Amino acid sequence: MSLYVGNLSYEVTQDDLTAVFAEYGSVKRVQLPTDRETGRLRGFGFVEMGTDAEESAAIEALDGAEWMGRDLKVNKARPREEKGSFNRGNGGGNRGNYNSGRSRY
């Protein structure tokens, strides 16, 4: 499992985040998503730690803490939601034969 870390400074680096979370256990991986168009950091990241106990300790200590001039938001990351396609349910196209075979004229 990994942790969601929100409200990050746009100046943060993976090394910065690793150093802060390493105080609470082993850091396996740090991800800092960037905007596709600008390449700029998006202001949040994900940290994967060695054990659930280490993650809990980091959440307890860092959620709401001020770091780099911002109040961090730290919690368990939720699975990524699927971005719906254009064909969600019966949202378009043939709307269930609305006219039921009646002629237009």
N, C-alpha and C. Protein backbone atom coordinates (compact mmCIF):
# COMPACT_ATOMS: atom_id res chain seq x y z
N MET A 1 0.85 -1.18 0.00
CA MET A 1 0.00 0.00 0.00
C MET A 1 0.89 1.24 0.00
N SER A 2 0.34 2.33 -0.45
CA SER A 2 1.12 3.56 -0.43
C SER A 2 0.32 4.69 0.22
N LEU A 3 1.03 5.78 0.47
CA LEU A 3 0.43 6.94 1.10
C LEU A 3 0.26 8.05 0.08
N TYR A 4 -0.85 8.76 0.20
CA TYR A 4 -1.09 9.96 -0.58
C TYR A 4 -0.55 11.13 0.24
N VAL A 5 0.21 12.00 -0.39
CA VAL A 5 0.74 13.19 0.28
C VAL A 5 0.29 14.40 -0.53
N GLY A 6 -0.61 15.19 0.05
CA GLY A 6 -1.17 16.33 -0.68
C GLY A 6 -0.71 17.66 -0.12
N ASN A 7 -0.99 18.70 -0.90
CA ASN A 7 -0.66 20.08 -0.57
C ASN A 7 0.86 20.29 -0.50
N LEU A 8 1.56 19.63 -1.40
CA LEU A 8 3.03 19.76 -1.44
C LEU A 8 3.44 21.05 -2.14
N SER A 9 4.57 21.57 -1.75
CA SER A 9 5.17 22.70 -2.45
C SER A 9 5.54 22.24 -3.86
N TYR A 10 5.45 23.15 -4.82
CA TYR A 10 5.83 22.81 -6.20
C TYR A 10 7.34 22.71 -6.35
N GLU A 11 8.07 23.06 -5.30
CA GLU A 11 9.53 23.01 -5.32
C GLU A 11 10.08 21.70 -4.76
N VAL A 12 9.22 20.84 -4.22
CA VAL A 12 9.67 19.61 -3.55
C VAL A 12 10.34 18.66 -4.54
N THR A 13 11.30 17.90 -4.05
CA THR A 13 11.96 16.87 -4.86
C THR A 13 11.71 15.50 -4.23
N GLN A 14 11.98 14.46 -4.99
CA GLN A 14 11.85 13.10 -4.46
C GLN A 14 12.77 12.90 -3.26
N ASP A 15 13.96 13.49 -3.33
CA ASP A 15 14.91 13.37 -2.21
C ASP A 15 14.37 14.04 -0.95
N ASP A 16 13.73 15.22 -1.11
CA ASP A 16 13.13 15.92 0.04
C ASP A 16 12.10 15.03 0.71
N LEU A 17 11.20 14.48 -0.10
CA LEU A 17 10.11 13.67 0.44
C LEU A 17 10.64 12.38 1.07
N THR A 18 11.63 11.78 0.44
CA THR A 18 12.25 10.57 0.98
C THR A 18 12.86 10.85 2.35
N ALA A 19 13.56 11.97 2.48
CA ALA A 19 14.22 12.30 3.75
C ALA A 19 13.20 12.49 4.87
N VAL A 20 12.09 13.15 4.59
CA VAL A 20 11.08 13.38 5.63
C VAL A 20 10.43 12.07 6.06
N PHE A 21 10.05 11.23 5.10
CA PHE A 21 9.35 10.00 5.44
C PHE A 21 10.31 8.94 6.00
N ALA A 22 11.59 9.03 5.70
CA ALA A 22 12.58 8.07 6.22
C ALA A 22 12.70 8.15 7.74
N GLU A 23 12.27 9.27 8.33
CA GLU A 23 12.29 9.38 9.79
C GLU A 23 11.31 8.42 10.44
N TYR A 24 10.37 7.88 9.65
CA TYR A 24 9.33 7.00 10.20
C TYR A 24 9.44 5.57 9.70
N GLY A 25 10.50 5.27 8.93
CA GLY A 25 10.70 3.91 8.46
C GLY A 25 11.37 3.90 7.09
N SER A 26 11.40 2.72 6.49
CA SER A 26 12.06 2.58 5.19
C SER A 26 11.13 3.04 4.07
N VAL A 27 11.67 3.85 3.20
CA VAL A 27 10.91 4.35 2.06
C VAL A 27 11.28 3.52 0.84
N LYS A 28 10.29 2.84 0.28
CA LYS A 28 10.53 1.99 -0.89
C LYS A 28 10.50 2.78 -2.19
N ARG A 29 9.52 3.72 -2.28
CA ARG A 29 9.36 4.44 -3.53
C ARG A 29 8.65 5.77 -3.29
N VAL A 30 9.02 6.77 -4.08
CA VAL A 30 8.36 8.08 -4.04
C VAL A 30 7.99 8.45 -5.47
N GLN A 31 6.74 8.87 -5.66
CA GLN A 31 6.28 9.32 -6.97
C GLN A 31 5.74 10.75 -6.86
N LEU A 32 6.17 11.61 -7.75
CA LEU A 32 5.68 12.99 -7.81
C LEU A 32 5.13 13.23 -9.22
N PRO A 33 3.81 13.06 -9.39
CA PRO A 33 3.22 13.25 -10.73
C PRO A 33 3.41 14.67 -11.25
N THR A 34 3.62 14.77 -12.56
CA THR A 34 3.76 16.07 -13.20
C THR A 34 2.64 16.28 -14.21
N ASP A 35 2.35 17.53 -14.48
CA ASP A 35 1.34 17.89 -15.47
C ASP A 35 1.86 17.51 -16.85
N ARG A 36 1.03 16.88 -17.67
CA ARG A 36 1.47 16.43 -19.00
C ARG A 36 1.87 17.59 -19.91
N GLU A 37 1.14 18.68 -19.80
CA GLU A 37 1.38 19.79 -20.72
C GLU A 37 2.53 20.70 -20.28
N THR A 38 2.60 21.00 -18.99
CA THR A 38 3.60 21.96 -18.51
C THR A 38 4.84 21.30 -17.93
N GLY A 39 4.73 20.04 -17.51
CA GLY A 39 5.85 19.36 -16.88
C GLY A 39 6.03 19.75 -15.42
N ARG A 40 5.17 20.63 -14.94
CA ARG A 40 5.26 21.12 -13.55
C ARG A 40 4.64 20.10 -12.59
N LEU A 41 5.20 20.04 -11.39
CA LEU A 41 4.65 19.15 -10.37
C LEU A 41 3.19 19.51 -10.11
N ARG A 42 2.39 18.51 -9.73
CA ARG A 42 0.96 18.73 -9.55
C ARG A 42 0.58 19.04 -8.10
N GLY A 43 1.56 19.06 -7.19
CA GLY A 43 1.27 19.45 -5.81
C GLY A 43 0.87 18.30 -4.91
N PHE A 44 1.04 17.07 -5.39
CA PHE A 44 0.79 15.91 -4.55
C PHE A 44 1.75 14.80 -4.97
N GLY A 45 1.82 13.77 -4.14
CA GLY A 45 2.70 12.66 -4.46
C GLY A 45 2.28 11.41 -3.72
N PHE A 46 3.04 10.35 -3.94
CA PHE A 46 2.77 9.07 -3.29
C PHE A 46 4.08 8.54 -2.72
N VAL A 47 3.98 8.00 -1.51
CA VAL A 47 5.15 7.43 -0.84
C VAL A 47 4.79 6.01 -0.44
N GLU A 48 5.63 5.07 -0.82
CA GLU A 48 5.44 3.68 -0.44
C GLU A 48 6.48 3.34 0.62
N MET A 49 6.01 2.82 1.76
CA MET A 49 6.91 2.51 2.86
C MET A 49 6.98 1.00 3.08
N GLY A 50 7.92 0.58 3.92
CA GLY A 50 8.18 -0.84 4.12
C GLY A 50 7.05 -1.62 4.77
N THR A 51 6.43 -1.06 5.80
CA THR A 51 5.39 -1.80 6.53
C THR A 51 4.18 -0.90 6.81
N ASP A 52 3.07 -1.54 7.15
CA ASP A 52 1.87 -0.79 7.53
C ASP A 52 2.12 0.05 8.78
N ALA A 53 2.91 -0.49 9.71
CA ALA A 53 3.21 0.24 10.95
C ALA A 53 3.98 1.52 10.65
N GLU A 54 4.92 1.45 9.72
CA GLU A 54 5.68 2.64 9.33
C GLU A 54 4.77 3.67 8.66
N GLU A 55 3.86 3.19 7.82
CA GLU A 55 2.91 4.10 7.17
C GLU A 55 2.03 4.79 8.21
N SER A 56 1.55 4.02 9.17
CA SER A 56 0.69 4.58 10.22
C SER A 56 1.44 5.64 11.03
N ALA A 57 2.70 5.37 11.34
CA ALA A 57 3.51 6.33 12.10
C ALA A 57 3.70 7.62 11.30
N ALA A 58 3.93 7.49 10.00
CA ALA A 58 4.12 8.67 9.15
C ALA A 58 2.82 9.48 9.05
N ILE A 59 1.69 8.80 8.90
CA ILE A 59 0.40 9.49 8.84
C ILE A 59 0.16 10.25 10.13
N GLU A 60 0.37 9.57 11.24
CA GLU A 60 0.14 10.16 12.57
C GLU A 60 0.98 11.43 12.76
N ALA A 61 2.24 11.35 12.33
CA ALA A 61 3.16 12.47 12.57
C ALA A 61 3.03 13.61 11.55
N LEU A 62 2.74 13.26 10.30
CA LEU A 62 2.85 14.26 9.25
C LEU A 62 1.53 14.84 8.75
N ASP A 63 0.41 14.15 8.97
CA ASP A 63 -0.87 14.69 8.50
C ASP A 63 -1.18 15.98 9.26
N GLY A 64 -1.28 17.08 8.52
CA GLY A 64 -1.55 18.38 9.14
C GLY A 64 -0.31 19.14 9.54
N ALA A 65 0.86 18.50 9.45
CA ALA A 65 2.11 19.16 9.83
C ALA A 65 2.51 20.18 8.76
N GLU A 66 3.17 21.25 9.20
CA GLU A 66 3.65 22.25 8.25
C GLU A 66 5.02 21.84 7.75
N TRP A 67 5.19 21.88 6.44
CA TRP A 67 6.46 21.53 5.82
C TRP A 67 6.62 22.36 4.55
N MET A 68 7.74 23.01 4.40
CA MET A 68 8.03 23.87 3.26
C MET A 68 6.93 24.93 3.09
N GLY A 69 6.43 25.43 4.23
CA GLY A 69 5.45 26.50 4.21
C GLY A 69 4.02 26.08 3.91
N ARG A 70 3.76 24.77 3.91
CA ARG A 70 2.42 24.27 3.59
C ARG A 70 2.00 23.22 4.61
N ASP A 71 0.69 23.10 4.85
CA ASP A 71 0.15 22.07 5.74
C ASP A 71 -0.09 20.80 4.94
N LEU A 72 0.67 19.76 5.26
CA LEU A 72 0.58 18.50 4.52
C LEU A 72 -0.74 17.78 4.78
N LYS A 73 -1.17 17.04 3.79
CA LYS A 73 -2.30 16.13 3.92
C LYS A 73 -1.74 14.74 3.62
N VAL A 74 -1.73 13.87 4.62
CA VAL A 74 -1.15 12.53 4.44
C VAL A 74 -2.18 11.49 4.86
N ASN A 75 -2.49 10.57 3.96
CA ASN A 75 -3.39 9.46 4.30
C ASN A 75 -3.11 8.27 3.38
N LYS A 76 -3.78 7.16 3.65
CA LYS A 76 -3.62 5.97 2.81
C LYS A 76 -4.13 6.30 1.41
N ALA A 77 -3.38 5.93 0.42
CA ALA A 77 -3.79 6.18 -0.96
C ALA A 77 -4.94 5.26 -1.33
N ARG A 78 -5.91 5.81 -2.03
CA ARG A 78 -7.03 4.99 -2.53
C ARG A 78 -6.69 4.51 -3.93
N PRO A 79 -7.28 3.38 -4.33
CA PRO A 79 -7.04 2.92 -5.70
C PRO A 79 -7.50 3.98 -6.70
N ARG A 80 -6.80 4.06 -7.78
CA ARG A 80 -7.13 5.05 -8.81
C ARG A 80 -8.48 4.74 -9.41
N GLU A 81 -9.32 5.77 -9.53
CA GLU A 81 -10.63 5.58 -10.14
C GLU A 81 -10.49 5.58 -11.64
N GLU A 82 -11.26 4.70 -12.28
CA GLU A 82 -11.25 4.64 -13.74
C GLU A 82 -11.89 5.90 -14.30
N LYS A 83 -11.24 6.49 -15.26
CA LYS A 83 -11.87 7.61 -15.95
C LYS A 83 -12.85 7.00 -16.93
N GLY A 84 -14.11 7.39 -16.81
CA GLY A 84 -15.15 6.78 -17.64
C GLY A 84 -14.93 7.01 -19.12
N SER A 85 -15.31 6.05 -19.89
CA SER A 85 -15.22 6.21 -21.34
C SER A 85 -16.47 6.94 -21.80
N PHE A 86 -16.55 7.17 -23.08
CA PHE A 86 -17.71 7.88 -23.62
C PHE A 86 -18.95 6.99 -23.59
N ASN A 87 -18.76 5.70 -23.42
CA ASN A 87 -19.90 4.78 -23.47
C ASN A 87 -20.24 4.28 -22.07
N ARG A 88 -20.63 5.18 -21.19
CA ARG A 88 -21.03 4.79 -19.85
C ARG A 88 -22.49 4.44 -19.87
N GLY A 89 -22.81 3.19 -19.63
CA GLY A 89 -24.21 2.78 -19.62
C GLY A 89 -24.83 3.04 -20.98
N ASN A 90 -26.00 3.66 -20.97
CA ASN A 90 -26.70 3.95 -22.22
C ASN A 90 -26.74 5.46 -22.43
N GLY A 91 -25.56 6.10 -22.38
CA GLY A 91 -25.50 7.55 -22.40
C GLY A 91 -25.54 8.18 -23.77
N GLY A 92 -25.50 7.42 -24.81
CA GLY A 92 -25.49 8.06 -26.12
C GLY A 92 -25.81 7.07 -27.20
N GLY A 93 -25.78 7.55 -28.41
CA GLY A 93 -26.06 6.67 -29.53
C GLY A 93 -27.51 6.25 -29.55
N ASN A 94 -27.75 4.98 -29.75
CA ASN A 94 -29.11 4.45 -29.82
C ASN A 94 -29.71 4.40 -28.43
N ARG A 95 -30.59 5.28 -28.13
CA ARG A 95 -31.15 5.37 -26.78
C ARG A 95 -32.31 4.40 -26.58
N GLY A 96 -32.02 3.16 -26.79
CA GLY A 96 -33.02 2.13 -26.53
C GLY A 96 -34.22 2.21 -27.46
N ASN A 97 -34.01 2.51 -28.74
CA ASN A 97 -35.09 2.60 -29.70
C ASN A 97 -36.22 3.48 -29.20
N TYR A 98 -35.93 4.72 -29.00
CA TYR A 98 -36.90 5.67 -28.44
C TYR A 98 -38.20 5.67 -29.21
N ASN A 99 -38.14 5.59 -30.53
CA ASN A 99 -39.36 5.65 -31.35
C ASN A 99 -40.02 4.29 -31.50
N SER A 100 -39.41 3.27 -31.01
CA SER A 100 -39.95 1.90 -31.04
C SER A 100 -40.49 1.49 -32.40
N GLY A 101 -39.77 1.78 -33.44
CA GLY A 101 -40.16 1.31 -34.76
C GLY A 101 -41.19 2.19 -35.46
N ARG A 102 -41.66 3.26 -34.85
CA ARG A 102 -42.62 4.13 -35.53
C ARG A 102 -41.93 4.91 -36.63
N SER A 103 -42.63 5.15 -37.67
CA SER A 103 -42.10 5.93 -38.79
C SER A 103 -42.02 7.40 -38.38
N ARG A 104 -41.06 8.13 -38.93
CA ARG A 104 -40.93 9.55 -38.66
C ARG A 104 -42.10 10.32 -39.23
N TYR A 105 -42.74 9.80 -40.29
CA TYR A 105 -43.75 10.59 -40.99
C TYR A 105 -45.14 10.06 -40.77
